[in-house]
C-alpha atoms as a PDB file:
ATOM      1  CA  MET A   1     251.206 245.940 129.430  1.00  0.00           C
ATOM      2  CA  SER A   2     253.746 243.152 129.660  1.00  0.00           C
ATOM      3  CA  THR A   3     256.339 243.119 132.406  1.00  0.00           C
ATOM      4  CA  SER A   4     260.093 242.759 132.043  1.00  0.00           C
ATOM      5  CA  SER A   5     261.827 239.446 132.702  1.00  0.00           C
ATOM      6  CA  LEU A   6     265.119 241.195 133.522  1.00  0.00           C
ATOM      7  CA  PRO A   7     266.448 241.230 137.106  1.00  0.00           C
ATOM      8  CA  ASN A   8     265.169 244.231 139.065  1.00  0.00           C
ATOM      9  CA  PRO A   9     266.764 244.036 142.538  1.00  0.00           C
ATOM     10  CA  ASN A  10     265.861 247.625 143.423  1.00  0.00           C
ATOM     11  CA  ASN A  11     262.201 247.253 142.400  1.00  0.00           C
ATOM     12  CA  ARG A  12     262.470 250.066 139.905  1.00  0.00           C
ATOM     13  CA  PRO A  13     259.302 251.135 138.047  1.00  0.00           C
ATOM     14  CA  LEU A  14     258.969 249.899 134.474  1.00  0.00           C
ATOM     15  CA  LEU A  15     256.988 252.954 133.382  1.00  0.00           C
ATOM     16  CA  ILE A  16     258.143 256.568 133.702  1.00  0.00           C
ATOM     17  CA  GLY A  17     255.775 259.529 133.554  1.00  0.00           C
ATOM     18  CA  PRO A  18     251.991 259.788 133.113  1.00  0.00           C
ATOM     19  CA  PRO A  19     250.239 258.028 130.189  1.00  0.00           C
ATOM     20  CA  SER A  20     249.321 261.410 128.675  1.00  0.00           C
ATOM     21  CA  GLY A  21     252.928 262.132 127.671  1.00  0.00           C
ATOM     22  CA  PRO A  22     255.980 264.222 128.619  1.00  0.00           C
ATOM     23  CA  GLU A  23     255.503 267.034 131.119  1.00  0.00           C
ATOM     24  CA  PRO A  24     257.375 270.396 131.219  1.00  0.00           C
ATOM     25  CA  PRO A  25     260.227 271.123 130.953  1.00  0.00           C
ATOM     26  CA  TYR A  26     260.361 268.210 128.475  1.00  0.00           C
ATOM     27  CA  PRO A  27     260.987 267.637 125.659  1.00  0.00           C
ATOM     28  CA  PHE A  28     264.554 268.857 125.124  1.00  0.00           C
ATOM     29  CA  ARG A  29     266.285 268.926 121.770  1.00  0.00           C
ATOM     30  CA  MET A  30     269.842 268.142 120.798  1.00  0.00           C
ATOM     31  CA  GLU A  31     271.558 267.552 117.472  1.00  0.00           C
ATOM     32  CA  GLY A  32     274.966 267.032 115.932  1.00  0.00           C
ATOM     33  CA  LYS A  33     277.148 264.573 114.091  1.00  0.00           C
ATOM     34  CA  VAL A  34     277.886 261.269 115.788  1.00  0.00           C
ATOM     35  CA  ILE A  35     281.454 261.209 117.108  1.00  0.00           C
ATOM     36  CA  SER A  36     283.602 258.371 118.404  1.00  0.00           C
ATOM     37  CA  GLY A  37     283.300 257.896 122.146  1.00  0.00           C
ATOM     38  CA  PHE A  38     285.259 256.032 124.779  1.00  0.00           C
ATOM     39  CA  GLY A  39     285.213 252.770 122.843  1.00  0.00           C
ATOM     40  CA  ARG A  40     283.868 250.688 125.718  1.00  0.00           C
ATOM     41  CA  GLY A  41     280.157 250.434 124.859  1.00  0.00           C
ATOM     42  CA  SER A  42     280.446 247.459 122.538  1.00  0.00           C
ATOM     43  CA  LYS A  43     283.631 245.948 123.955  1.00  0.00           C
ATOM     44  CA  GLU A  44     282.941 245.976 127.699  1.00  0.00           C
ATOM     45  CA  LEU A  45     279.206 246.512 128.038  1.00  0.00           C
ATOM     46  CA  GLY A  46     277.834 244.877 124.904  1.00  0.00           C
ATOM     47  CA  ILE A  47     275.712 248.014 124.549  1.00  0.00           C
ATOM     48  CA  PRO A  48     277.016 250.210 121.689  1.00  0.00           C
ATOM     49  CA  THR A  49     276.637 253.956 122.151  1.00  0.00           C
ATOM     50  CA  ALA A  50     276.676 256.939 119.818  1.00  0.00           C
ATOM     51  CA  ASN A  51     278.234 260.095 121.231  1.00  0.00           C
ATOM     52  CA  LEU A  52     277.253 263.687 120.550  1.00  0.00           C
ATOM     53  CA  PRO A  53     279.453 266.665 121.457  1.00  0.00           C
ATOM     54  CA  VAL A  54     278.328 268.550 124.578  1.00  0.00           C
ATOM     55  CA  ASP A  55     278.894 272.230 123.879  1.00  0.00           C
ATOM     56  CA  ASP A  56     277.641 275.694 124.890  1.00  0.00           C
ATOM     57  CA  GLU A  57     274.831 275.583 122.334  1.00  0.00           C
ATOM     58  CA  ASN A  58     273.020 272.939 124.375  1.00  0.00           C
ATOM     59  CA  THR A  59     272.170 275.323 127.221  1.00  0.00           C
ATOM     60  CA  TRP A  60     269.681 272.968 128.890  1.00  0.00           C
ATOM     61  CA  ILE A  61     272.391 270.346 129.448  1.00  0.00           C
ATOM     62  CA  LYS A  62     274.352 272.713 131.720  1.00  0.00           C
ATOM     63  CA  ASN A  63     271.690 272.686 134.436  1.00  0.00           C
ATOM     64  CA  ILE A  64     270.189 269.237 133.985  1.00  0.00           C
ATOM     65  CA  ASP A  65     270.889 266.474 136.493  1.00  0.00           C
ATOM     66  CA  SER A  66     273.412 263.840 135.517  1.00  0.00           C
ATOM     67  CA  GLY A  67     271.662 260.570 134.843  1.00  0.00           C
ATOM     68  CA  ILE A  68     269.787 258.406 132.371  1.00  0.00           C
ATOM     69  CA  TYR A  69     267.157 259.836 130.048  1.00  0.00           C
ATOM     70  CA  MET A  70     264.893 258.453 127.357  1.00  0.00           C
ATOM     71  CA  GLY A  71     263.334 259.703 124.159  1.00  0.00           C
ATOM     72  CA  TRP A  72     263.636 259.496 120.408  1.00  0.00           C
ATOM     73  CA  ALA A  73     266.625 259.633 118.088  1.00  0.00           C
ATOM     74  CA  SER A  74     266.580 260.269 114.358  1.00  0.00           C
ATOM     75  CA  LEU A  75     269.526 259.313 112.170  1.00  0.00           C
ATOM     76  CA  LYS A  76     270.102 260.498 108.619  1.00  0.00           C
ATOM     77  CA  LEU A  77     271.479 257.219 107.365  1.00  0.00           C
ATOM     78  CA  PRO A  78     273.006 257.252 103.876  1.00  0.00           C
ATOM     79  CA  ALA A  79     271.766 254.779 101.271  1.00  0.00           C
ATOM     80  CA  SER A  80     275.003 252.809 101.681  1.00  0.00           C
ATOM     81  CA  HIS A  81     274.162 251.921 105.304  1.00  0.00           C
ATOM     82  CA  PRO A  82     272.499 248.488 105.673  1.00  0.00           C
ATOM     83  CA  ASN A  83     269.833 249.928 108.035  1.00  0.00           C
ATOM     84  CA  SER A  84     268.847 252.698 105.636  1.00  0.00           C
ATOM     85  CA  VAL A  85     265.394 252.499 104.054  1.00  0.00           C
ATOM     86  CA  LEU A  86     267.186 253.456 100.827  1.00  0.00           C
ATOM     87  CA  TYR A  87     269.669 250.592 101.041  1.00  0.00           C
ATOM     88  CA  GLN A  88     269.745 248.162  98.150  1.00  0.00           C
ATOM     89  CA  LYS A  89     271.412 244.844  98.879  1.00  0.00           C
ATOM     90  CA  PRO A  90     274.020 243.950  96.260  1.00  0.00           C
ATOM     91  CA  PRO A  91     272.900 241.115  93.977  1.00  0.00           C
ATOM     92  CA  THR A  92     274.217 237.693  94.948  1.00  0.00           C
ATOM     93  CA  THR A  93     273.219 235.755  91.828  1.00  0.00           C
ATOM     94  CA  GLU A  94     275.605 235.083  88.962  1.00  0.00           C
ATOM     95  CA  PRO A  95     275.184 237.350  85.916  1.00  0.00           C
ATOM     96  CA  VAL A  96     273.225 235.832  83.023  1.00  0.00           C
ATOM     97  CA  MET A  97     275.034 235.730  79.692  1.00  0.00           C
ATOM     98  CA  GLU A  98     273.040 237.415  76.932  1.00  0.00           C
ATOM     99  CA  PRO A  99     273.522 237.565  73.173  1.00  0.00           C
ATOM    100  CA  VAL A 100     275.859 240.318  72.012  1.00  0.00           C
ATOM    101  CA  SER A 101     273.097 242.046  70.061  1.00  0.00           C
ATOM    102  CA  SER A 102     270.874 242.168  73.153  1.00  0.00           C
ATOM    103  CA  SER A 103     273.682 243.574  75.290  1.00  0.00           C
ATOM    104  CA  ARG A 104     274.364 246.303  72.730  1.00  0.00           C
ATOM    105  CA  ASN A 105     270.697 247.284  72.662  1.00  0.00           C
ATOM    106  CA  GLN A 106     270.629 247.485  76.467  1.00  0.00           C
ATOM    107  CA  LEU A 107     273.789 249.605  76.507  1.00  0.00           C
ATOM    108  CA  LYS A 108     272.284 251.964  73.935  1.00  0.00           C
ATOM    109  CA  GLN A 109     269.055 252.284  75.948  1.00  0.00           C
ATOM    110  CA  GLN A 110     270.998 252.891  79.177  1.00  0.00           C
ATOM    111  CA  THR A 111     273.036 255.640  77.504  1.00  0.00           C
ATOM    112  CA  GLU A 112     269.871 257.315  76.250  1.00  0.00           C
ATOM    113  CA  ASP A 113     268.269 257.097  79.692  1.00  0.00           C
ATOM    114  CA  GLU A 114     271.290 258.674  81.389  1.00  0.00           C
ATOM    115  CA  ALA A 115     271.309 261.476  78.838  1.00  0.00           C
ATOM    116  CA  GLU A 116     267.700 262.355  79.657  1.00  0.00           C
ATOM    117  CA  VAL A 117     267.492 262.123  83.444  1.00  0.00           C
ATOM    118  CA  SER A 118     264.143 263.388  84.674  1.00  0.00           C
ATOM    119  CA  PRO A 119     263.912 265.812  87.630  1.00  0.00           C
ATOM    120  CA  ALA A 120     262.282 263.041  89.669  1.00  0.00           C
ATOM    121  CA  LYS A 121     265.266 260.741  89.074  1.00  0.00           C
ATOM    122  CA  GLU A 122     267.659 263.547  89.982  1.00  0.00           C
ATOM    123  CA  GLU A 123     265.778 264.157  93.232  1.00  0.00           C
ATOM    124  CA  LYS A 124     265.873 260.447  94.082  1.00  0.00           C
ATOM    125  CA  ALA A 125     269.609 260.324  93.440  1.00  0.00           C
ATOM    126  CA  ILE A 126     270.135 263.275  95.793  1.00  0.00           C
ATOM    127  CA  ASP A 127     268.031 261.611  98.505  1.00  0.00           C
ATOM    128  CA  GLN A 128     270.086 258.435  98.244  1.00  0.00           C
ATOM    129  CA  SER A 129     273.385 260.267  98.556  1.00  0.00           C
ATOM    130  CA  GLN A 130     272.319 262.527 101.424  1.00  0.00           C
ATOM    131  CA  GLY A 131     270.316 259.958 103.347  1.00  0.00           C
ATOM    132  CA  GLN A 132     266.906 260.012 104.966  1.00  0.00           C
ATOM    133  CA  TRP A 133     265.855 260.616 108.569  1.00  0.00           C
ATOM    134  CA  GLN A 134     264.807 257.471 110.444  1.00  0.00           C
ATOM    135  CA  ILE A 135     263.379 257.499 113.982  1.00  0.00           C
ATOM    136  CA  TYR A 136     264.224 255.082 116.807  1.00  0.00           C
ATOM    137  CA  PRO A 137     263.628 254.953 120.585  1.00  0.00           C
ATOM    138  CA  MET A 138     266.720 255.629 122.653  1.00  0.00           C
ATOM    139  CA  VAL A 139     268.194 255.877 126.132  1.00  0.00           C
ATOM    140  CA  MET A 140     270.795 258.509 126.900  1.00  0.00           C
ATOM    141  CA  SER A 141     273.424 258.937 129.600  1.00  0.00           C
ATOM    142  CA  ILE A 142     274.367 262.516 130.479  1.00  0.00           C
ATOM    143  CA  GLY A 143     277.144 262.993 133.006  1.00  0.00           C
ATOM    144  CA  TYR A 144     280.537 261.774 134.130  1.00  0.00           C
ATOM    145  CA  ASN A 145     279.799 258.048 134.616  1.00  0.00           C
ATOM    146  CA  PRO A 146     281.372 257.565 138.079  1.00  0.00           C
ATOM    147  CA  PHE A 147     282.190 253.899 137.404  1.00  0.00           C
ATOM    148  CA  TYR A 148     284.678 255.001 134.733  1.00  0.00           C
ATOM    149  CA  LYS A 149     285.622 258.238 136.525  1.00  0.00           C
ATOM    150  CA  ASN A 150     285.235 260.488 133.501  1.00  0.00           C
ATOM    151  CA  THR A 151     286.604 264.011 133.887  1.00  0.00           C
ATOM    152  CA  VAL A 152     284.555 265.418 130.984  1.00  0.00           C
ATOM    153  CA  ARG A 153     280.755 265.477 130.897  1.00  0.00           C
ATOM    154  CA  SER A 154     279.485 263.433 127.981  1.00  0.00           C
ATOM    155  CA  ALA A 155     276.251 262.596 126.186  1.00  0.00           C
ATOM    156  CA  GLU A 156     276.158 258.906 125.248  1.00  0.00           C
ATOM    157  CA  VAL A 157     273.159 257.597 123.316  1.00  0.00           C
ATOM    158  CA  HIS A 158     272.117 253.974 122.981  1.00  0.00           C
ATOM    159  CA  VAL A 159     269.684 253.631 120.095  1.00  0.00           C
ATOM    160  CA  LEU A 160     267.272 250.752 120.699  1.00  0.00           C
ATOM    161  CA  GLU A 161     267.850 249.078 117.359  1.00  0.00           C
ATOM    162  CA  LYS A 162     270.316 246.500 116.053  1.00  0.00           C
ATOM    163  CA  PHE A 163     272.556 248.086 113.423  1.00  0.00           C
ATOM    164  CA  GLY A 164     274.487 246.303 110.718  1.00  0.00           C
ATOM    165  CA  ALA A 165     277.296 248.876 110.675  1.00  0.00           C
ATOM    166  CA  ASP A 166     278.652 251.909 112.542  1.00  0.00           C
ATOM    167  CA  PHE A 167     277.333 255.363 111.717  1.00  0.00           C
ATOM    168  CA  TYR A 168     280.097 257.743 112.764  1.00  0.00           C
ATOM    169  CA  GLY A 169     279.736 261.156 111.125  1.00  0.00           C
ATOM    170  CA  VAL A 170     275.995 260.698 110.526  1.00  0.00           C
ATOM    171  CA  ASP A 171     273.656 263.531 111.525  1.00  0.00           C
ATOM    172  CA  MET A 172     271.639 262.738 114.654  1.00  0.00           C
ATOM    173  CA  ARG A 173     268.738 264.540 116.307  1.00  0.00           C
ATOM    174  CA  LEU A 174     267.428 263.787 119.777  1.00  0.00           C
ATOM    175  CA  LEU A 175     264.089 264.495 121.391  1.00  0.00           C
ATOM    176  CA  VAL A 176     264.634 263.899 125.108  1.00  0.00           C
ATOM    177  CA  THR A 177     261.249 263.202 126.666  1.00  0.00           C
ATOM    178  CA  GLY A 178     261.877 261.988 130.209  1.00  0.00           C
ATOM    179  CA  PHE A 179     264.210 261.206 133.100  1.00  0.00           C
ATOM    180  CA  ILE A 180     264.737 257.586 134.151  1.00  0.00           C
ATOM    181  CA  ARG A 181     267.199 257.745 137.055  1.00  0.00           C
ATOM    182  CA  ASN A 182     270.241 259.463 138.553  1.00  0.00           C
ATOM    183  CA  GLU A 183     273.713 258.271 137.598  1.00  0.00           C
ATOM    184  CA  LYS A 184     275.535 256.264 140.245  1.00  0.00           C
ATOM    185  CA  ASP A 185     278.699 254.315 140.901  1.00  0.00           C
ATOM    186  CA  TYR A 186     278.866 250.525 140.875  1.00  0.00           C
ATOM    187  CA  SER A 187     280.919 247.915 142.673  1.00  0.00           C
ATOM    188  CA  GLY A 188     281.295 245.857 139.509  1.00  0.00           C
ATOM    189  CA  LEU A 189     280.662 245.746 135.778  1.00  0.00           C
ATOM    190  CA  GLU A 190     277.797 243.228 136.045  1.00  0.00           C
ATOM    191  CA  ALA A 191     275.716 245.568 138.208  1.00  0.00           C
ATOM    192  CA  LEU A 192     276.277 248.419 135.754  1.00  0.00           C
ATOM    193  CA  ILE A 193     275.221 246.283 132.786  1.00  0.00           C
ATOM    194  CA  ALA A 194     272.119 245.040 134.633  1.00  0.00           C
ATOM    195  CA  ASP A 195     270.997 248.607 135.349  1.00  0.00           C
ATOM    196  CA  ILE A 196     271.602 249.730 131.759  1.00  0.00           C
ATOM    197  CA  GLU A 197     269.645 246.784 130.381  1.00  0.00           C
ATOM    198  CA  PHE A 198     266.749 247.620 132.673  1.00  0.00           C
ATOM    199  CA  ASP A 199     266.976 251.274 131.575  1.00  0.00           C
ATOM    200  CA  CYS A 200     266.413 250.053 128.027  1.00  0.00           C
ATOM    201  CA  GLU A 201     263.330 248.102 129.104  1.00  0.00           C
ATOM    202  CA  VAL A 202     261.964 251.152 130.900  1.00  0.00           C
ATOM    203  CA  ALA A 203     262.424 253.229 127.740  1.00  0.00           C
ATOM    204  CA  ARG A 204     260.814 250.606 125.468  1.00  0.00           C
ATOM    205  CA  HIS A 205     257.729 250.255 127.661  1.00  0.00           C
ATOM    206  CA  SER A 206     257.368 253.954 128.477  1.00  0.00           C
ATOM    207  CA  LEU A 207     257.807 255.187 124.900  1.00  0.00           C
ATOM    208  CA  ALA A 208     255.391 252.603 123.497  1.00  0.00           C
ATOM    209  CA  ARG A 209     252.456 254.436 125.082  1.00  0.00           C
ATOM    210  CA  LYS A 210     250.329 256.576 122.792  1.00  0.00           C
ATOM    211  CA  GLY A 211     251.113 259.818 124.606  1.00  0.00           C
ATOM    212  CA  TRP A 212     254.869 259.200 124.392  1.00  0.00           C
ATOM    213  CA  LYS A 213     255.138 257.788 120.884  1.00  0.00           C
ATOM    214  CA  VAL A 214     255.959 260.247 118.091  1.00  0.00           C
ATOM    215  CA  ARG A 215     253.204 260.376 115.498  1.00  0.00           C
ATOM    216  CA  GLU A 216     255.752 260.410 112.678  1.00  0.00           C
ATOM    217  CA  LEU A 217     256.316 256.678 113.228  1.00  0.00           C
ATOM    218  CA  GLY A 218     252.801 256.003 111.964  1.00  0.00           C
ATOM    219  CA  GLY A 219     251.288 252.637 112.757  1.00  0.00           C
ATOM    220  CA  ASP A 220     247.644 253.277 111.925  1.00  0.00           C
ATOM    221  CA  GLY A 221     246.186 250.229 110.258  1.00  0.00           C
ATOM    222  CA  VAL A 222     249.036 247.982 111.427  1.00  0.00           C
ATOM    223  CA  GLU A 223     247.861 245.217 113.732  1.00  0.00           C
ATOM    224  CA  GLY A 224     248.782 245.887 117.346  1.00  0.00           C
ATOM    225  CA  GLN A 225     250.025 249.410 116.660  1.00  0.00           C
ATOM    226  CA  GLU A 226     248.499 252.841 116.956  1.00  0.00           C
ATOM    227  CA  VAL A 227     249.573 256.303 115.911  1.00  0.00           C
ATOM    228  CA  GLY A 228     251.355 258.260 118.632  1.00  0.00           C
ATOM    229  CA  GLU A 229     250.304 261.680 119.847  1.00  0.00           C
ATOM    230  CA  LEU A 230     253.718 263.242 120.480  1.00  0.00           C
ATOM    231  CA  ASP A 231     254.918 265.826 117.949  1.00  0.00           C
ATOM    232  CA  GLY A 232     258.203 264.569 116.516  1.00  0.00           C
ATOM    233  CA  SER A 233     258.212 266.666 113.338  1.00  0.00           C
ATOM    234  CA  TRP A 234     261.511 268.315 114.307  1.00  0.00           C
ATOM    235  CA  LEU A 235     263.191 264.930 114.092  1.00  0.00           C
ATOM    236  CA  VAL A 236     262.576 264.622 110.369  1.00  0.00           C
ATOM    237  CA  ARG A 237     262.544 268.201 109.108  1.00  0.00           C
END
């Protein structure tokens, strides 16, 4: 297992939990539509977050310690989102001029095809419009964030993936598998950012282990990867 090159002044552990996987009471589940947050993740921290509403339905959140957690997030990204597996990049080449007769024949064939859409094509069209669940590792802050002196408890998720666009309003599901650390106050922004960046490293290393990786990600047959043992079926149902 490789070690992190990030500063670690408090000698924090890079791995959380036993290799076998999450222990009770984990995992916890949470879902909802991504809402706009405090607007500081990207601007001040350089670490964009996706917020989920904290309501009475998430009973486990009421009694859980405020702090940083890790686990898996699934997003139902629409086909129009550049990170969607259904996304088709618009063509960048110039259109080729064809003879009029050829164009008419193509138009006729296209009209006939649209008039006789098969059930399979209809199903594919529905999938593209509704989106498809995609799983990513994540870190999650639950609490009041003393540095910013929040008065409302929030759930802020940082998905460990680089996204080409925002995904406000997209359905999100979370499988919270472990606790990283308690929330705390900071004397300055740099110390806060350093801790968050190390949280991300802890999550990446911890979740990469076979017992912590959801089996729905696959990986069998791919060099350097193995299938996880954690049941993440709820994330994609």
